[in-house]
C-alpha atoms as a PDB file:
ATOM      1  CA  UNK A   1       0.063  -0.022  -0.051  1.00  0.00           C
ATOM      2  CA  UNK A   2       1.111   3.663  -0.456  1.00  0.00           C
ATOM      3  CA  UNK A   3       2.330   5.436   2.555  1.00  0.00           C
ATOM      4  CA  UNK A   4      -0.381   7.539   4.041  1.00  0.00           C
ATOM      5  CA  UNK A   5       2.535   9.948   4.833  1.00  0.00           C
ATOM      6  CA  UNK A   6       3.609  10.165   1.301  1.00  0.00           C
ATOM      7  CA  UNK A   7       4.086  13.743  -0.195  1.00  0.00           C
ATOM      8  CA  UNK A   8       1.022  13.346  -2.237  1.00  0.00           C
ATOM      9  CA  UNK A   9      -1.176  12.394   0.805  1.00  0.00           C
ATOM     10  CA  UNK A  10      -2.855   9.692  -1.470  1.00  0.00           C
ATOM     11  CA  UNK A  11      -3.790   6.209  -0.062  1.00  0.00           C
ATOM     12  CA  UNK A  12      -4.330   3.084  -2.119  1.00  0.00           C
ATOM     13  CA  UNK A  13      -7.285   0.798  -1.058  1.00  0.00           C
ATOM     14  CA  UNK A  14      -8.603  -2.280  -2.913  1.00  0.00           C
ATOM     15  CA  UNK A  15     -11.943  -2.375  -4.633  1.00  0.00           C
ATOM     16  CA  UNK A  16     -14.563  -3.869  -2.358  1.00  0.00           C
ATOM     17  CA  UNK A  17     -18.223  -3.455  -1.601  1.00  0.00           C
ATOM     18  CA  UNK A  18     -17.117  -0.863   0.863  1.00  0.00           C
ATOM     19  CA  UNK A  19     -15.045   1.263  -1.551  1.00  0.00           C
ATOM     20  CA  UNK A  20     -17.433   0.603  -4.574  1.00  0.00           C
ATOM     21  CA  UNK A  21     -19.383   3.866  -3.868  1.00  0.00           C
ATOM     22  CA  UNK A  22     -16.218   5.906  -4.169  1.00  0.00           C
ATOM     23  CA  UNK A  23     -15.286   4.091  -7.442  1.00  0.00           C
ATOM     24  CA  UNK A  24     -18.843   4.628  -8.674  1.00  0.00           C
ATOM     25  CA  UNK A  25     -18.573   8.311  -7.956  1.00  0.00           C
ATOM     26  CA  UNK A  26     -15.408   8.657 -10.065  1.00  0.00           C
ATOM     27  CA  UNK A  27     -16.942   6.590 -12.887  1.00  0.00           C
ATOM     28  CA  UNK A  28     -20.114   8.664 -12.972  1.00  0.00           C
ATOM     29  CA  UNK A  29     -18.200  11.927 -12.797  1.00  0.00           C
ATOM     30  CA  UNK A  30     -16.819  10.976 -16.217  1.00  0.00           C
ATOM     31  CA  UNK A  31     -20.113   9.525 -17.840  1.00  0.00           C
ATOM     32  CA  UNK A  32     -19.338   5.923 -17.020  1.00  0.00           C
ATOM     33  CA  UNK A  33     -15.825   6.126 -18.465  1.00  0.00           C
ATOM     34  CA  UNK A  34     -15.069   5.246 -21.974  1.00  0.00           C
ATOM     35  CA  UNK A  35     -18.657   5.741 -23.309  1.00  0.00           C
ATOM     36  CA  UNK A  36     -20.367   4.124 -20.396  1.00  0.00           C
ATOM     37  CA  UNK A  37     -18.108   1.011 -20.100  1.00  0.00           C
ATOM     38  CA  UNK A  38     -17.891   1.256 -16.284  1.00  0.00           C
ATOM     39  CA  UNK A  39     -14.664  -0.614 -16.581  1.00  0.00           C
ATOM     40  CA  UNK A  40     -16.683  -3.775 -17.524  1.00  0.00           C
ATOM     41  CA  UNK A  41     -15.211  -4.480 -21.013  1.00  0.00           C
ATOM     42  CA  UNK A  42     -12.549  -6.928 -20.005  1.00  0.00           C
ATOM     43  CA  UNK A  43     -14.861  -8.886 -17.667  1.00  0.00           C
ATOM     44  CA  UNK A  44     -16.937 -11.898 -18.916  1.00  0.00           C
ATOM     45  CA  UNK A  45     -20.114 -13.382 -17.564  1.00  0.00           C
ATOM     46  CA  UNK A  46     -19.978 -15.390 -14.152  1.00  0.00           C
ATOM     47  CA  UNK A  47     -22.133 -18.326 -13.004  1.00  0.00           C
ATOM     48  CA  UNK A  48     -24.236 -15.883 -11.141  1.00  0.00           C
ATOM     49  CA  UNK A  49     -24.115 -12.781 -13.382  1.00  0.00           C
ATOM     50  CA  UNK A  50     -24.569 -12.385 -17.151  1.00  0.00           C
ATOM     51  CA  UNK A  51     -23.344  -9.159 -18.306  1.00  0.00           C
ATOM     52  CA  UNK A  52     -26.178  -8.323 -20.811  1.00  0.00           C
ATOM     53  CA  UNK A  53     -28.826  -8.868 -17.962  1.00  0.00           C
ATOM     54  CA  UNK A  54     -27.639  -5.568 -16.282  1.00  0.00           C
ATOM     55  CA  UNK A  55     -26.487  -2.081 -16.903  1.00  0.00           C
ATOM     56  CA  UNK A  56     -22.842  -1.747 -16.680  1.00  0.00           C
ATOM     57  CA  UNK A  57     -22.565  -0.166 -13.408  1.00  0.00           C
ATOM     58  CA  UNK A  58     -24.844  -2.952 -11.780  1.00  0.00           C
ATOM     59  CA  UNK A  59     -22.806  -5.575 -13.561  1.00  0.00           C
ATOM     60  CA  UNK A  60     -19.656  -4.357 -12.075  1.00  0.00           C
ATOM     61  CA  UNK A  61     -21.152  -3.916  -8.584  1.00  0.00           C
ATOM     62  CA  UNK A  62     -22.166  -7.608  -8.672  1.00  0.00           C
ATOM     63  CA  UNK A  63     -18.709  -8.824  -9.766  1.00  0.00           C
ATOM     64  CA  UNK A  64     -17.275  -6.836  -6.793  1.00  0.00           C
ATOM     65  CA  UNK A  65     -19.788  -8.522  -4.535  1.00  0.00           C
ATOM     66  CA  UNK A  66     -18.863 -11.828  -5.913  1.00  0.00           C
ATOM     67  CA  UNK A  67     -15.204 -11.077  -5.253  1.00  0.00           C
ATOM     68  CA  UNK A  68     -14.232 -11.395  -8.672  1.00  0.00           C
ATOM     69  CA  UNK A  69     -13.509  -7.803  -9.753  1.00  0.00           C
ATOM     70  CA  UNK A  70     -10.252  -6.310  -8.507  1.00  0.00           C
ATOM     71  CA  UNK A  71      -8.680  -2.831  -8.731  1.00  0.00           C
ATOM     72  CA  UNK A  72      -6.317  -0.693  -6.691  1.00  0.00           C
ATOM     73  CA  UNK A  73      -8.033   2.605  -5.882  1.00  0.00           C
ATOM     74  CA  UNK A  74      -6.116   5.845  -5.316  1.00  0.00           C
ATOM     75  CA  UNK A  75      -7.742   7.927  -2.862  1.00  0.00           C
ATOM     76  CA  UNK A  76      -7.339  11.676  -2.222  1.00  0.00           C
ATOM     77  CA  UNK A  77      -9.043  12.078   1.153  1.00  0.00           C
ATOM     78  CA  UNK A  78     -12.420  10.428   0.701  1.00  0.00           C
ATOM     79  CA  UNK A  79     -12.458  10.620  -3.067  1.00  0.00           C
ATOM     80  CA  UNK A  80     -11.230   7.962  -5.458  1.00  0.00           C
ATOM     81  CA  UNK A  81      -9.159   9.586  -8.158  1.00  0.00           C
ATOM     82  CA  UNK A  82      -7.806   6.798 -10.187  1.00  0.00           C
ATOM     83  CA  UNK A  83      -7.925   3.038 -10.409  1.00  0.00           C
ATOM     84  CA  UNK A  84      -5.805   0.040 -11.739  1.00  0.00           C
ATOM     85  CA  UNK A  85      -7.764  -2.986 -12.663  1.00  0.00           C
ATOM     86  CA  UNK A  86      -6.268  -6.347 -12.251  1.00  0.00           C
ATOM     87  CA  UNK A  87      -7.182  -9.880 -11.932  1.00  0.00           C
ATOM     88  CA  UNK A  88      -6.853 -13.477 -13.131  1.00  0.00           C
ATOM     89  CA  UNK A  89      -7.153 -14.350 -16.998  1.00  0.00           C
ATOM     90  CA  UNK A  90     -10.560 -16.033 -15.891  1.00  0.00           C
ATOM     91  CA  UNK A  91     -11.722 -12.809 -14.438  1.00  0.00           C
ATOM     92  CA  UNK A  92     -10.482 -10.651 -17.300  1.00  0.00           C
ATOM     93  CA  UNK A  93     -10.782 -12.697 -20.505  1.00  0.00           C
ATOM     94  CA  UNK A  94     -11.558  -9.971 -23.133  1.00  0.00           C
ATOM     95  CA  UNK A  95      -8.277  -8.475 -23.904  1.00  0.00           C
ATOM     96  CA  UNK A  96      -7.564  -6.840 -27.212  1.00  0.00           C
ATOM     97  CA  UNK A  97      -5.772  -8.835 -29.846  1.00  0.00           C
ATOM     98  CA  UNK A  98      -6.494 -11.969 -27.714  1.00  0.00           C
ATOM     99  CA  UNK A  99      -5.904 -14.428 -30.495  1.00  0.00           C
ATOM    100  CA  UNK A 100      -2.541 -13.010 -31.253  1.00  0.00           C
ATOM    101  CA  UNK A 101      -1.671 -12.891 -27.717  1.00  0.00           C
ATOM    102  CA  UNK A 102      -2.703 -16.446 -27.007  1.00  0.00           C
ATOM    103  CA  UNK A 103      -0.853 -17.828 -30.010  1.00  0.00           C
ATOM    104  CA  UNK A 104       2.534 -16.429 -28.614  1.00  0.00           C
ATOM    105  CA  UNK A 105       1.901 -17.178 -24.926  1.00  0.00           C
ATOM    106  CA  UNK A 106       4.098 -20.014 -23.870  1.00  0.00           C
ATOM    107  CA  UNK A 107       3.945 -19.216 -20.117  1.00  0.00           C
ATOM    108  CA  UNK A 108       0.351 -17.991 -19.152  1.00  0.00           C
ATOM    109  CA  UNK A 109       0.637 -15.521 -16.102  1.00  0.00           C
ATOM    110  CA  UNK A 110      -1.784 -15.890 -13.252  1.00  0.00           C
ATOM    111  CA  UNK A 111      -2.376 -12.106 -13.117  1.00  0.00           C
ATOM    112  CA  UNK A 112      -3.028  -9.521 -15.799  1.00  0.00           C
ATOM    113  CA  UNK A 113      -3.479  -5.676 -15.520  1.00  0.00           C
ATOM    114  CA  UNK A 114      -6.015  -4.448 -18.063  1.00  0.00           C
ATOM    115  CA  UNK A 115      -7.205  -0.839 -17.326  1.00  0.00           C
ATOM    116  CA  UNK A 116      -6.351   2.423 -15.594  1.00  0.00           C
ATOM    117  CA  UNK A 117      -8.390   5.458 -15.185  1.00  0.00           C
ATOM    118  CA  UNK A 118      -7.320   8.774 -13.722  1.00  0.00           C
ATOM    119  CA  UNK A 119      -9.805  11.701 -12.763  1.00  0.00           C
ATOM    120  CA  UNK A 120      -9.456  14.543 -15.273  1.00  0.00           C
ATOM    121  CA  UNK A 121      -8.532  16.885 -12.359  1.00  0.00           C
ATOM    122  CA  UNK A 122      -5.395  14.624 -11.352  1.00  0.00           C
ATOM    123  CA  UNK A 123      -3.877  13.766 -14.600  1.00  0.00           C
ATOM    124  CA  UNK A 124      -0.237  14.189 -15.505  1.00  0.00           C
ATOM    125  CA  UNK A 125       0.861  14.149 -11.956  1.00  0.00           C
ATOM    126  CA  UNK A 126       2.007  10.366 -11.629  1.00  0.00           C
ATOM    127  CA  UNK A 127      -1.387   9.001 -10.300  1.00  0.00           C
ATOM    128  CA  UNK A 128      -1.618   6.247 -12.758  1.00  0.00           C
ATOM    129  CA  UNK A 129       1.719   4.991 -11.449  1.00  0.00           C
ATOM    130  CA  UNK A 130       0.560   5.215  -8.039  1.00  0.00           C
ATOM    131  CA  UNK A 131      -2.303   2.849  -9.142  1.00  0.00           C
ATOM    132  CA  UNK A 132       0.033   0.598 -10.753  1.00  0.00           C
ATOM    133  CA  UNK A 133       2.269   0.209  -7.734  1.00  0.00           C
ATOM    134  CA  UNK A 134      -0.847  -0.266  -5.568  1.00  0.00           C
ATOM    135  CA  UNK A 135      -2.004  -3.092  -7.793  1.00  0.00           C
ATOM    136  CA  UNK A 136       1.259  -4.764  -7.561  1.00  0.00           C
ATOM    137  CA  UNK A 137       1.276  -4.432  -3.804  1.00  0.00           C
ATOM    138  CA  UNK A 138      -2.342  -6.104  -3.741  1.00  0.00           C
ATOM    139  CA  UNK A 139      -0.998  -8.964  -5.919  1.00  0.00           C
ATOM    140  CA  UNK A 140       1.959  -9.444  -3.600  1.00  0.00           C
ATOM    141  CA  UNK A 141      -0.477  -9.688  -0.618  1.00  0.00           C
ATOM    142  CA  UNK A 142      -2.524 -12.182  -2.695  1.00  0.00           C
ATOM    143  CA  UNK A 143       0.530 -14.355  -3.068  1.00  0.00           C
ATOM    144  CA  UNK A 144       2.362 -12.751  -5.964  1.00  0.00           C
ATOM    145  CA  UNK A 145       3.282 -14.467  -9.153  1.00  0.00           C
ATOM    146  CA  UNK A 146       3.914 -13.305 -12.613  1.00  0.00           C
ATOM    147  CA  UNK A 147       1.857 -10.368 -13.929  1.00  0.00           C
ATOM    148  CA  UNK A 148       1.343  -9.544 -17.724  1.00  0.00           C
ATOM    149  CA  UNK A 149      -0.121  -6.336 -19.151  1.00  0.00           C
ATOM    150  CA  UNK A 150      -0.638  -4.832 -22.579  1.00  0.00           C
ATOM    151  CA  UNK A 151       0.458  -1.162 -22.565  1.00  0.00           C
ATOM    152  CA  UNK A 152       0.675   1.030 -25.566  1.00  0.00           C
ATOM    153  CA  UNK A 153       4.003   2.148 -27.239  1.00  0.00           C
ATOM    154  CA  UNK A 154       3.717   5.688 -28.139  1.00  0.00           C
ATOM    155  CA  UNK A 155       4.861   7.049 -31.379  1.00  0.00           C
ATOM    156  CA  UNK A 156       7.526   9.793 -30.517  1.00  0.00           C
ATOM    157  CA  UNK A 157       6.137  13.202 -31.099  1.00  0.00           C
ATOM    158  CA  UNK A 158       2.616  12.061 -31.792  1.00  0.00           C
ATOM    159  CA  UNK A 159      -0.085  13.376 -29.452  1.00  0.00           C
ATOM    160  CA  UNK A 160      -2.285  10.441 -28.233  1.00  0.00           C
ATOM    161  CA  UNK A 161      -5.790  10.547 -26.655  1.00  0.00           C
ATOM    162  CA  UNK A 162      -6.030   9.384 -23.014  1.00  0.00           C
ATOM    163  CA  UNK A 163      -8.846   7.108 -24.197  1.00  0.00           C
ATOM    164  CA  UNK A 164      -6.405   5.263 -26.196  1.00  0.00           C
ATOM    165  CA  UNK A 165      -4.112   4.795 -23.133  1.00  0.00           C
ATOM    166  CA  UNK A 166      -6.635   2.995 -20.993  1.00  0.00           C
ATOM    167  CA  UNK A 167      -3.823   0.325 -20.376  1.00  0.00           C
ATOM    168  CA  UNK A 168      -1.087   2.959 -19.776  1.00  0.00           C
ATOM    169  CA  UNK A 169       2.221   3.167 -21.596  1.00  0.00           C
ATOM    170  CA  UNK A 170       5.284   1.006 -22.153  1.00  0.00           C
ATOM    171  CA  UNK A 171       7.480   3.604 -20.488  1.00  0.00           C
ATOM    172  CA  UNK A 172       5.441   3.542 -17.277  1.00  0.00           C
ATOM    173  CA  UNK A 173       5.559  -0.162 -17.146  1.00  0.00           C
ATOM    174  CA  UNK A 174       9.397  -0.305 -17.878  1.00  0.00           C
ATOM    175  CA  UNK A 175       9.888   2.200 -15.097  1.00  0.00           C
ATOM    176  CA  UNK A 176       7.893  -0.140 -12.792  1.00  0.00           C
ATOM    177  CA  UNK A 177      10.233  -2.997 -13.571  1.00  0.00           C
ATOM    178  CA  UNK A 178       8.292  -4.841 -16.321  1.00  0.00           C
ATOM    179  CA  UNK A 179      10.085  -6.538 -19.113  1.00  0.00           C
ATOM    180  CA  UNK A 180       9.021  -6.042 -22.753  1.00  0.00           C
ATOM    181  CA  UNK A 181       8.318  -9.210 -24.635  1.00  0.00           C
ATOM    182  CA  UNK A 182       6.585  -8.574 -28.030  1.00  0.00           C
ATOM    183  CA  UNK A 183       4.195  -6.411 -29.793  1.00  0.00           C
ATOM    184  CA  UNK A 184       0.484  -7.341 -30.563  1.00  0.00           C
ATOM    185  CA  UNK A 185      -1.780  -5.454 -32.793  1.00  0.00           C
ATOM    186  CA  UNK A 186      -0.664  -2.078 -34.153  1.00  0.00           C
ATOM    187  CA  UNK A 187       0.732  -0.546 -30.982  1.00  0.00           C
ATOM    188  CA  UNK A 188       0.176  -2.630 -27.923  1.00  0.00           C
ATOM    189  CA  UNK A 189       2.909  -4.531 -26.220  1.00  0.00           C
ATOM    190  CA  UNK A 190       3.134  -7.583 -23.856  1.00  0.00           C
ATOM    191  CA  UNK A 191       5.132  -6.868 -20.887  1.00  0.00           C
ATOM    192  CA  UNK A 192       5.728  -8.949 -17.783  1.00  0.00           C
ATOM    193  CA  UNK A 193       6.989  -8.919 -14.241  1.00  0.00           C
ATOM    194  CA  UNK A 194       7.218 -11.399 -11.353  1.00  0.00           C
ATOM    195  CA  UNK A 195       5.983 -10.111  -8.057  1.00  0.00           C
ATOM    196  CA  UNK A 196       7.292 -11.804  -4.863  1.00  0.00           C
ATOM    197  CA  UNK A 197       4.659 -12.689  -2.262  1.00  0.00           C
ATOM    198  CA  UNK A 198       4.372 -10.187   0.537  1.00  0.00           C
ATOM    199  CA  UNK A 199       6.066 -11.153   3.746  1.00  0.00           C
ATOM    200  CA  UNK A 200       3.805 -12.092   6.418  1.00  0.00           C
END
């Protein structure tokens, strides 16, 4: 977890039924995020919940209650200002370029990171990196293991929409210690890092 005495004053908490209202407030402040996705795109149906039976916010809330929707939330006081979504491939099956990724995947990782979002009032201040570090801490607390993600590789000098960068950038992941493996699609990468389990 991020130190509450850190210069930013931010704290990272896991997405749970208790923190869901703060997460929802952040999503609703931005019209449901990515055109009303409510960070549901990468999830599939569960035994108890079929995505198309619910609006996206309710679908996400049900997954949180079932314990199969994970994220690190960055808080500024009582307000959630960012998140980093992570989980198992079973929880988050709907990645972009999945056929291409699966075809080249020799060692499937037990964890994947699929989505970031930062409040418009807190962007360009390193908050996405705080969310990433928080997610990796939560993965360590859950036993650690390999983590794979699919950030974008930016074209030098080309301005890129933040909506295009929903999974962060290769540079941010490299600074967090991830290793580049390969490209998939036009601009996405496959990057990996092994997280040691947290000491008890």
